[in-house]
Amino acid sequence: MPLDAITYRVKAGHEDRLIEVFSPRNFTRVDSPVIRDAGGRTVGMLLGTGLFVQGETLVRVIHHDGVPAAQIARHMSVQEGVREAERAIQPWLTEPRDTETEQGFRDHFHRSLMLVLEQDSPDERPAAGTVALRYPLRPGAGAELADARDVRGRGTPLRVSPDHPTIVRTALFLQQDTLVRVVQYDGHPYDVVGYLSDRCHGEKAEAWLADYLLDPSRPVDPDAYLVRAHEQAMTSIAHMSVLGVE
């Protein structure tokens, strides 16, 4: 069951206000996770979403059952709670956008959709939580990564592992200069820490990214790797899934 992601540019320093907008007491969830086409036929299922912020980057992660992005955009565009949240965050966006109309929302959704560089989602287990890390890129690296020929065959993609059974899925997303790693889990957030340390530092699963990063140096030991991962971790604003709301 795959993940998609969209990204927004926001004014830095307003995390508390964004958290308030999307808090359970203020944000109205979608009226149904069932995604239907214009004729009312069921075409898919929305399984969960997560919202993360770091500096000027806001990312929404969407877990679904394989429905095309156009259908997800249509489903979200008619949700009054989503429209209310869009209005509420307007003061903290770096660029105004038209999301008042359904077509305007869909156009923005597609402009904001991130490119999937890697993904491993082997089963349909829902996630209890999601972690997102933003990797600072050197100037021009985003355009290089966007070239699929530049990515193909570069190292081993990060995948879920039987050694870390509570890790559900992982994906790597890109849009322009924004590179974000997403890991979903059904255990404890600390499980993600162990998984990333083992796979990314111990087994060098992300070594191929070094050429594109602002700081290409490799942490000298697991503790140094975890310090860097902590710096890259985005603040979780909201997580909603078929399991409930965090």
Protein backbone atom coordinates (compact mmCIF):
# COMPACT_ATOMS: atom_id res chain seq x y z
CA MET A 1 0.00 0.00 0.00
CA PRO A 2 1.92 3.02 -1.28
CA LEU A 3 2.68 6.48 0.04
CA ASP A 4 2.51 9.82 -1.74
CA ALA A 5 3.51 13.23 -0.46
CA ILE A 6 2.88 16.89 -1.22
CA THR A 7 4.90 19.85 0.04
CA TYR A 8 4.22 23.49 0.87
CA ARG A 9 6.46 26.48 1.54
CA VAL A 10 5.67 28.14 4.86
CA LYS A 11 7.14 30.98 6.89
CA ALA A 12 9.64 29.62 9.40
CA GLY A 13 8.98 29.95 13.12
CA HIS A 14 5.23 29.31 13.12
CA GLU A 15 5.19 25.62 14.04
CA ASP A 16 2.96 26.22 17.07
CA ARG A 17 0.31 27.93 14.95
CA LEU A 18 0.35 25.16 12.37
CA ILE A 19 0.06 22.54 15.11
CA GLU A 20 -2.97 24.39 16.47
CA VAL A 21 -4.68 24.47 13.05
CA PHE A 22 -4.30 20.72 12.61
CA SER A 23 -4.95 19.69 16.22
CA PRO A 24 -7.79 17.16 16.74
CA ARG A 25 -9.95 19.81 18.38
CA ASN A 26 -9.70 22.15 15.38
CA PHE A 27 -9.25 19.97 12.33
CA THR A 28 -12.26 18.14 10.88
CA ARG A 29 -11.29 14.75 9.50
CA VAL A 30 -12.39 13.62 6.06
CA ASP A 31 -16.01 12.52 6.04
CA SER A 32 -15.06 9.11 4.66
CA PRO A 33 -11.82 7.29 3.82
CA VAL A 34 -13.54 5.80 0.77
CA ILE A 35 -12.41 7.51 -2.43
CA ARG A 36 -15.03 7.73 -5.19
CA ASP A 37 -14.87 8.95 -8.76
CA ALA A 38 -17.11 11.63 -10.25
CA GLY A 39 -19.80 9.01 -10.85
CA GLY A 40 -19.83 7.87 -7.22
CA ARG A 41 -18.05 4.56 -7.84
CA THR A 42 -15.54 3.41 -5.24
CA VAL A 43 -12.02 3.62 -6.67
CA GLY A 44 -9.82 3.36 -3.58
CA MET A 45 -9.24 3.96 0.10
CA LEU A 46 -7.44 6.65 2.05
CA LEU A 47 -5.60 4.79 4.82
CA GLY A 48 -3.90 7.63 6.64
CA THR A 49 -2.09 10.94 6.49
CA GLY A 50 0.77 12.59 8.34
CA LEU A 51 1.78 16.24 8.44
CA PHE A 52 5.32 17.45 9.19
CA VAL A 53 7.16 20.76 9.32
CA GLN A 54 10.76 21.90 9.49
CA GLY A 55 11.80 25.48 8.84
CA GLU A 56 10.09 26.62 5.64
CA THR A 57 9.01 23.13 4.57
CA LEU A 58 5.63 21.58 5.31
CA VAL A 59 5.02 18.04 4.02
CA ARG A 60 1.82 16.00 3.98
CA VAL A 61 2.30 12.23 3.62
CA ILE A 62 -0.66 10.26 2.25
CA HIS A 63 -1.07 6.51 2.69
CA HIS A 64 -3.53 4.90 0.29
CA ASP A 65 -4.27 1.63 -1.47
CA GLY A 66 -2.85 2.53 -4.88
CA VAL A 67 -5.49 4.91 -6.19
CA PRO A 68 -4.17 7.45 -8.74
CA ALA A 69 -3.12 10.86 -7.42
CA ALA A 70 -5.85 12.58 -9.43
CA GLN A 71 -8.50 10.67 -7.49
CA ILE A 72 -6.86 11.53 -4.16
CA ALA A 73 -6.78 15.20 -5.16
CA ARG A 74 -10.46 15.10 -6.09
CA HIS A 75 -11.38 13.41 -2.79
CA MET A 76 -9.45 15.92 -0.69
CA SER A 77 -10.74 18.91 -2.66
CA VAL A 78 -14.33 18.34 -1.53
CA GLN A 79 -13.54 17.86 2.18
CA GLU A 80 -14.74 20.87 4.16
CA GLY A 81 -12.25 20.21 6.97
CA VAL A 82 -9.37 20.28 4.51
CA ARG A 83 -10.68 23.48 2.94
CA GLU A 84 -11.01 25.10 6.39
CA ALA A 85 -7.42 24.17 7.22
CA GLU A 86 -6.25 25.59 3.89
CA ARG A 87 -7.87 28.91 4.76
CA ALA A 88 -6.39 28.86 8.26
CA ILE A 89 -2.78 28.38 7.13
CA GLN A 90 -2.88 31.09 4.46
CA PRO A 91 -1.17 33.71 6.73
CA TRP A 92 1.86 31.43 7.14
CA LEU A 93 2.39 30.47 3.51
CA THR A 94 5.28 32.08 1.65
CA GLU A 95 3.25 32.16 -1.56
CA PRO A 96 -0.55 32.64 -1.74
CA ARG A 97 -2.49 30.05 -3.67
CA ASP A 98 -6.04 29.46 -4.80
CA THR A 99 -7.51 26.45 -3.02
CA GLU A 100 -11.00 27.85 -2.50
CA THR A 101 -12.36 26.12 -5.57
CA GLU A 102 -12.19 22.38 -6.16
CA GLN A 103 -10.23 22.88 -9.37
CA GLY A 104 -7.83 25.30 -7.68
CA PHE A 105 -7.20 22.78 -4.93
CA ARG A 106 -6.56 19.99 -7.43
CA ASP A 107 -4.18 22.15 -9.46
CA HIS A 108 -2.22 23.02 -6.33
CA PHE A 109 -2.17 19.37 -5.25
CA HIS A 110 -0.59 18.29 -8.53
CA ARG A 111 1.95 21.13 -8.50
CA SER A 112 2.94 20.15 -4.96
CA LEU A 113 3.11 16.38 -5.53
CA MET A 114 6.57 15.03 -4.72
CA LEU A 115 8.55 12.67 -6.93
CA VAL A 116 8.97 9.16 -5.47
CA LEU A 117 12.65 8.21 -5.63
CA GLU A 118 12.37 5.05 -3.50
CA GLN A 119 9.53 3.16 -1.90
CA ASP A 120 9.05 -0.14 -0.12
CA SER A 121 5.52 -0.88 1.06
CA PRO A 122 5.23 -4.65 0.99
CA ASP A 123 1.87 -5.13 2.70
CA GLU A 124 -1.29 -3.36 3.81
CA ARG A 125 -0.53 -2.99 7.52
CA PRO A 126 -1.70 0.39 8.78
CA ALA A 127 0.86 2.49 10.62
CA ALA A 128 0.65 3.52 14.25
CA GLY A 129 2.97 6.42 13.49
CA THR A 130 5.18 8.09 10.91
CA VAL A 131 8.62 9.70 11.08
CA ALA A 132 9.90 12.14 8.44
CA LEU A 133 13.45 13.38 7.98
CA ARG A 134 14.48 16.22 5.66
CA TYR A 135 17.92 15.96 4.06
CA PRO A 136 19.48 19.33 3.12
CA LEU A 137 20.69 19.26 -0.49
CA ARG A 138 23.56 21.14 -2.08
CA PRO A 139 22.55 23.75 -4.70
CA GLY A 140 21.43 22.13 -7.94
CA ALA A 141 21.23 18.62 -6.49
CA GLY A 142 17.44 18.49 -6.62
CA ALA A 143 17.42 18.84 -10.39
CA GLU A 144 20.05 16.11 -10.69
CA LEU A 145 18.05 13.75 -8.49
CA ALA A 146 14.90 14.44 -10.49
CA ASP A 147 16.56 12.87 -13.51
CA ALA A 148 15.51 9.21 -13.20
CA ARG A 149 18.55 8.10 -15.16
CA ASP A 150 20.74 9.61 -12.45
CA VAL A 151 19.01 7.60 -9.73
CA ARG A 152 18.61 4.26 -11.45
CA GLY A 153 21.16 1.71 -10.29
CA ARG A 154 22.67 3.98 -7.65
CA GLY A 155 23.24 1.79 -4.62
CA THR A 156 20.69 -0.23 -2.70
CA PRO A 157 17.33 1.38 -1.84
CA LEU A 158 16.26 1.44 1.78
CA ARG A 159 13.78 -1.38 2.37
CA VAL A 160 11.90 -2.85 5.30
CA SER A 161 13.72 -5.74 6.95
CA PRO A 162 12.74 -8.85 8.95
CA ASP A 163 15.34 -7.70 11.47
CA HIS A 164 13.04 -4.76 12.24
CA PRO A 165 9.53 -6.25 12.09
CA THR A 166 7.74 -3.15 13.42
CA ILE A 167 8.86 -1.04 10.45
CA VAL A 168 5.93 -1.05 8.03
CA ARG A 169 7.09 0.97 5.00
CA THR A 170 9.59 3.54 3.84
CA ALA A 171 9.78 6.04 1.00
CA LEU A 172 12.04 8.81 -0.28
CA PHE A 173 10.41 11.90 -1.81
CA LEU A 174 11.77 14.85 -3.78
CA GLN A 175 10.45 18.15 -5.02
CA GLN A 176 12.90 20.78 -6.23
CA ASP A 177 15.32 21.21 -3.30
CA THR A 178 13.24 19.29 -0.77
CA LEU A 179 14.30 15.69 -0.07
CA VAL A 180 12.35 13.83 2.61
CA ARG A 181 12.65 10.28 3.95
CA VAL A 182 9.46 8.82 5.45
CA VAL A 183 9.36 5.73 7.69
CA GLN A 184 6.14 4.25 9.07
CA TYR A 185 6.02 1.92 12.06
CA ASP A 186 3.50 -0.07 14.09
CA GLY A 187 5.52 -0.29 17.30
CA HIS A 188 7.39 2.52 19.06
CA PRO A 189 9.12 5.56 17.51
CA TYR A 190 12.41 4.31 18.94
CA ASP A 191 12.08 1.33 16.59
CA VAL A 192 12.67 3.77 13.71
CA VAL A 193 15.86 5.01 15.36
CA GLY A 194 17.29 1.49 15.54
CA TYR A 195 16.19 0.68 12.02
CA LEU A 196 17.75 3.76 10.47
CA SER A 197 20.94 3.35 12.46
CA ASP A 198 21.35 -0.26 11.36
CA ARG A 199 20.38 0.21 7.73
CA CYS A 200 21.61 3.72 6.91
CA HIS A 201 24.76 3.86 9.02
CA GLY A 202 25.62 0.20 9.54
CA GLU A 203 24.70 -1.07 6.07
CA LYS A 204 25.13 2.24 4.21
CA ALA A 205 21.72 1.97 2.50
CA GLU A 206 21.74 5.71 1.78
CA ALA A 207 25.42 6.06 0.88
CA TRP A 208 24.43 6.85 -2.73
CA LEU A 209 22.87 10.12 -1.58
CA ALA A 210 26.17 11.59 -0.34
CA ASP A 211 26.97 13.30 -3.65
CA TYR A 212 23.74 15.31 -3.44
CA LEU A 213 23.76 16.35 0.22
CA LEU A 214 24.82 19.72 1.57
CA ASP A 215 27.04 17.86 4.04
CA PRO A 216 28.30 14.72 2.28
CA SER A 217 30.48 13.54 5.16
CA ARG A 218 29.56 10.22 6.74
CA PRO A 219 29.02 10.17 10.52
CA VAL A 220 31.96 8.42 12.17
CA ASP A 221 29.88 6.19 14.44
CA PRO A 222 26.22 5.32 15.22
CA ASP A 223 25.97 8.02 17.89
CA ALA A 224 27.08 10.68 15.40
CA TYR A 225 24.60 9.31 12.89
CA LEU A 226 21.77 9.61 15.41
CA VAL A 227 22.73 13.20 16.17
CA ARG A 228 22.44 14.02 12.48
CA ALA A 229 19.14 12.14 12.17
CA HIS A 230 17.79 14.13 15.12
CA GLU A 231 18.73 17.35 13.31
CA GLN A 232 16.98 16.14 10.16
CA ALA A 233 13.79 14.97 11.92
CA MET A 234 10.76 17.06 11.02
CA THR A 235 8.22 18.06 13.65
CA SER A 236 5.08 15.92 13.51
CA ILE A 237 2.01 18.13 13.41
CA ALA A 238 -0.64 15.45 12.93
CA HIS A 239 -1.02 11.76 12.18
CA MET A 240 -4.31 10.16 11.22
CA SER A 241 -4.92 6.59 10.13
CA VAL A 242 -7.47 3.82 10.20
CA LEU A 243 -6.05 3.07 13.65
CA GLY A 244 -7.04 6.46 14.98
CA VAL A 245 -5.58 9.93 15.56
CA GLU A 246 -2.35 10.96 17.30
